[in-house]
């Protein structure tokens, strides 16, 4: 049953309300994703000889950059949606992205 969830859209149908984007589950997975991406970027930089694997300052800098980049992208999408009066569409799009990202 659990393996069928990958191909199912039950989550999106049940949680159509866009306020679920701010739920603890989505926010928690967002931070896990930020940490994972930062770790991957640091390992990639280590492989190519640009950084050390154990440099915590660099890890925090990468994670902070990713956090602000993704939040800025989200806010720009909201501003554009408000400007063109397509807020409902963007809210559903962000819900779809959050649903299938996690």
C-alpha atoms as a PDB file:
ATOM      1  CA  UNK A   1       0.000   0.000   0.000  1.00  0.00           C
ATOM      2  CA  UNK A   2       2.796   2.430   0.903  1.00  0.00           C
ATOM      3  CA  UNK A   3       4.566   1.922  -2.435  1.00  0.00           C
ATOM      4  CA  UNK A   4       1.383   2.978  -4.264  1.00  0.00           C
ATOM      5  CA  UNK A   5       1.587   6.451  -2.696  1.00  0.00           C
ATOM      6  CA  UNK A   6       4.347   7.429  -5.108  1.00  0.00           C
ATOM      7  CA  UNK A   7       2.001   7.159  -8.069  1.00  0.00           C
ATOM      8  CA  UNK A   8      -1.164   8.272  -6.285  1.00  0.00           C
ATOM      9  CA  UNK A   9      -2.579  11.768  -5.965  1.00  0.00           C
ATOM     10  CA  UNK A  10      -4.620  11.045  -2.820  1.00  0.00           C
ATOM     11  CA  UNK A  11      -2.496  13.397  -0.710  1.00  0.00           C
ATOM     12  CA  UNK A  12      -3.081  16.286  -3.103  1.00  0.00           C
ATOM     13  CA  UNK A  13      -6.822  15.596  -3.227  1.00  0.00           C
ATOM     14  CA  UNK A  14      -7.232  15.349   0.530  1.00  0.00           C
ATOM     15  CA  UNK A  15      -4.988  18.283   1.427  1.00  0.00           C
ATOM     16  CA  UNK A  16      -6.080  20.746  -1.251  1.00  0.00           C
ATOM     17  CA  UNK A  17      -6.033  23.512   1.340  1.00  0.00           C
ATOM     18  CA  UNK A  18      -2.924  25.611   0.714  1.00  0.00           C
ATOM     19  CA  UNK A  19      -2.461  26.362   4.409  1.00  0.00           C
ATOM     20  CA  UNK A  20      -0.947  22.868   4.644  1.00  0.00           C
ATOM     21  CA  UNK A  21       2.203  24.311   3.062  1.00  0.00           C
ATOM     22  CA  UNK A  22       2.991  25.775   6.450  1.00  0.00           C
ATOM     23  CA  UNK A  23       2.352  22.538   8.330  1.00  0.00           C
ATOM     24  CA  UNK A  24       5.023  21.051  10.519  1.00  0.00           C
ATOM     25  CA  UNK A  25       5.453  18.010   8.265  1.00  0.00           C
ATOM     26  CA  UNK A  26       6.170  20.066   5.121  1.00  0.00           C
ATOM     27  CA  UNK A  27       8.385  22.536   6.991  1.00  0.00           C
ATOM     28  CA  UNK A  28      10.324  19.707   8.620  1.00  0.00           C
ATOM     29  CA  UNK A  29      10.946  17.999   5.312  1.00  0.00           C
ATOM     30  CA  UNK A  30      11.937  21.353   3.809  1.00  0.00           C
ATOM     31  CA  UNK A  31      14.724  21.689   6.380  1.00  0.00           C
ATOM     32  CA  UNK A  32      15.810  18.093   5.855  1.00  0.00           C
ATOM     33  CA  UNK A  33      15.998  18.814   2.136  1.00  0.00           C
ATOM     34  CA  UNK A  34      18.070  21.968   2.733  1.00  0.00           C
ATOM     35  CA  UNK A  35      20.522  20.019   4.899  1.00  0.00           C
ATOM     36  CA  UNK A  36      20.740  17.215   2.328  1.00  0.00           C
ATOM     37  CA  UNK A  37      21.372  19.599  -0.569  1.00  0.00           C
ATOM     38  CA  UNK A  38      23.999  21.490   1.422  1.00  0.00           C
ATOM     39  CA  UNK A  39      25.746  18.225   2.293  1.00  0.00           C
ATOM     40  CA  UNK A  40      25.647  17.110  -1.349  1.00  0.00           C
ATOM     41  CA  UNK A  41      27.063  20.440  -2.562  1.00  0.00           C
ATOM     42  CA  UNK A  42      29.852  20.323   0.023  1.00  0.00           C
ATOM     43  CA  UNK A  43      30.756  16.745  -0.941  1.00  0.00           C
ATOM     44  CA  UNK A  44      30.777  17.731  -4.608  1.00  0.00           C
ATOM     45  CA  UNK A  45      33.048  20.671  -3.833  1.00  0.00           C
ATOM     46  CA  UNK A  46      35.344  18.311  -1.895  1.00  0.00           C
ATOM     47  CA  UNK A  47      35.528  15.868  -4.808  1.00  0.00           C
ATOM     48  CA  UNK A  48      36.574  18.663  -7.169  1.00  0.00           C
ATOM     49  CA  UNK A  49      39.096  19.996  -4.649  1.00  0.00           C
ATOM     50  CA  UNK A  50      37.396  23.266  -3.716  1.00  0.00           C
ATOM     51  CA  UNK A  51      36.536  22.571  -0.075  1.00  0.00           C
ATOM     52  CA  UNK A  52      37.063  20.316   2.896  1.00  0.00           C
ATOM     53  CA  UNK A  53      34.464  17.769   3.973  1.00  0.00           C
ATOM     54  CA  UNK A  54      34.680  18.853   7.600  1.00  0.00           C
ATOM     55  CA  UNK A  55      34.352  22.622   7.162  1.00  0.00           C
ATOM     56  CA  UNK A  56      31.250  23.442   9.239  1.00  0.00           C
ATOM     57  CA  UNK A  57      31.371  27.141   8.406  1.00  0.00           C
ATOM     58  CA  UNK A  58      31.137  26.352   4.695  1.00  0.00           C
ATOM     59  CA  UNK A  59      28.269  23.934   5.362  1.00  0.00           C
ATOM     60  CA  UNK A  60      26.339  26.618   7.246  1.00  0.00           C
ATOM     61  CA  UNK A  61      27.038  29.136   4.473  1.00  0.00           C
ATOM     62  CA  UNK A  62      25.779  26.744   1.793  1.00  0.00           C
ATOM     63  CA  UNK A  63      22.668  25.858   3.817  1.00  0.00           C
ATOM     64  CA  UNK A  64      21.945  29.540   4.471  1.00  0.00           C
ATOM     65  CA  UNK A  65      22.348  30.383   0.790  1.00  0.00           C
ATOM     66  CA  UNK A  66      19.990  27.561  -0.211  1.00  0.00           C
ATOM     67  CA  UNK A  67      17.441  28.596   2.402  1.00  0.00           C
ATOM     68  CA  UNK A  68      17.376  32.225   1.303  1.00  0.00           C
ATOM     69  CA  UNK A  69      17.421  31.310  -2.392  1.00  0.00           C
ATOM     70  CA  UNK A  70      14.398  29.014  -2.110  1.00  0.00           C
ATOM     71  CA  UNK A  71      12.488  31.422   0.123  1.00  0.00           C
ATOM     72  CA  UNK A  72      13.247  34.330  -2.241  1.00  0.00           C
ATOM     73  CA  UNK A  73      12.020  32.251  -5.172  1.00  0.00           C
ATOM     74  CA  UNK A  74       8.807  31.461  -3.283  1.00  0.00           C
ATOM     75  CA  UNK A  75       8.237  35.126  -2.399  1.00  0.00           C
ATOM     76  CA  UNK A  76       8.873  36.260  -5.983  1.00  0.00           C
ATOM     77  CA  UNK A  77       6.302  33.711  -7.180  1.00  0.00           C
ATOM     78  CA  UNK A  78       3.802  35.101  -4.659  1.00  0.00           C
ATOM     79  CA  UNK A  79       4.479  38.688  -5.779  1.00  0.00           C
ATOM     80  CA  UNK A  80       4.033  37.795  -9.446  1.00  0.00           C
ATOM     81  CA  UNK A  81       0.857  35.861  -8.625  1.00  0.00           C
ATOM     82  CA  UNK A  82      -0.559  38.836  -6.770  1.00  0.00           C
ATOM     83  CA  UNK A  83       0.389  41.176  -9.619  1.00  0.00           C
ATOM     84  CA  UNK A  84      -1.364  39.062 -12.244  1.00  0.00           C
ATOM     85  CA  UNK A  85      -4.251  37.997  -9.983  1.00  0.00           C
ATOM     86  CA  UNK A  86      -3.461  34.268 -10.209  1.00  0.00           C
ATOM     87  CA  UNK A  87      -2.931  33.602  -6.509  1.00  0.00           C
ATOM     88  CA  UNK A  88      -5.125  30.485  -6.409  1.00  0.00           C
ATOM     89  CA  UNK A  89      -3.210  28.901  -9.280  1.00  0.00           C
ATOM     90  CA  UNK A  90       0.177  29.599  -7.682  1.00  0.00           C
ATOM     91  CA  UNK A  91      -1.020  28.286  -4.320  1.00  0.00           C
ATOM     92  CA  UNK A  92      -2.109  25.028  -5.966  1.00  0.00           C
ATOM     93  CA  UNK A  93       1.156  24.882  -7.910  1.00  0.00           C
ATOM     94  CA  UNK A  94       3.186  25.318  -4.716  1.00  0.00           C
ATOM     95  CA  UNK A  95       1.078  22.647  -3.022  1.00  0.00           C
ATOM     96  CA  UNK A  96       1.788  20.270  -5.921  1.00  0.00           C
ATOM     97  CA  UNK A  97       5.506  21.041  -5.747  1.00  0.00           C
ATOM     98  CA  UNK A  98       5.599  20.482  -1.993  1.00  0.00           C
ATOM     99  CA  UNK A  99       3.539  17.311  -2.260  1.00  0.00           C
ATOM    100  CA  UNK A 100       5.648  15.625  -4.890  1.00  0.00           C
ATOM    101  CA  UNK A 101       8.963  16.970  -3.579  1.00  0.00           C
ATOM    102  CA  UNK A 102       8.487  15.272  -0.244  1.00  0.00           C
END
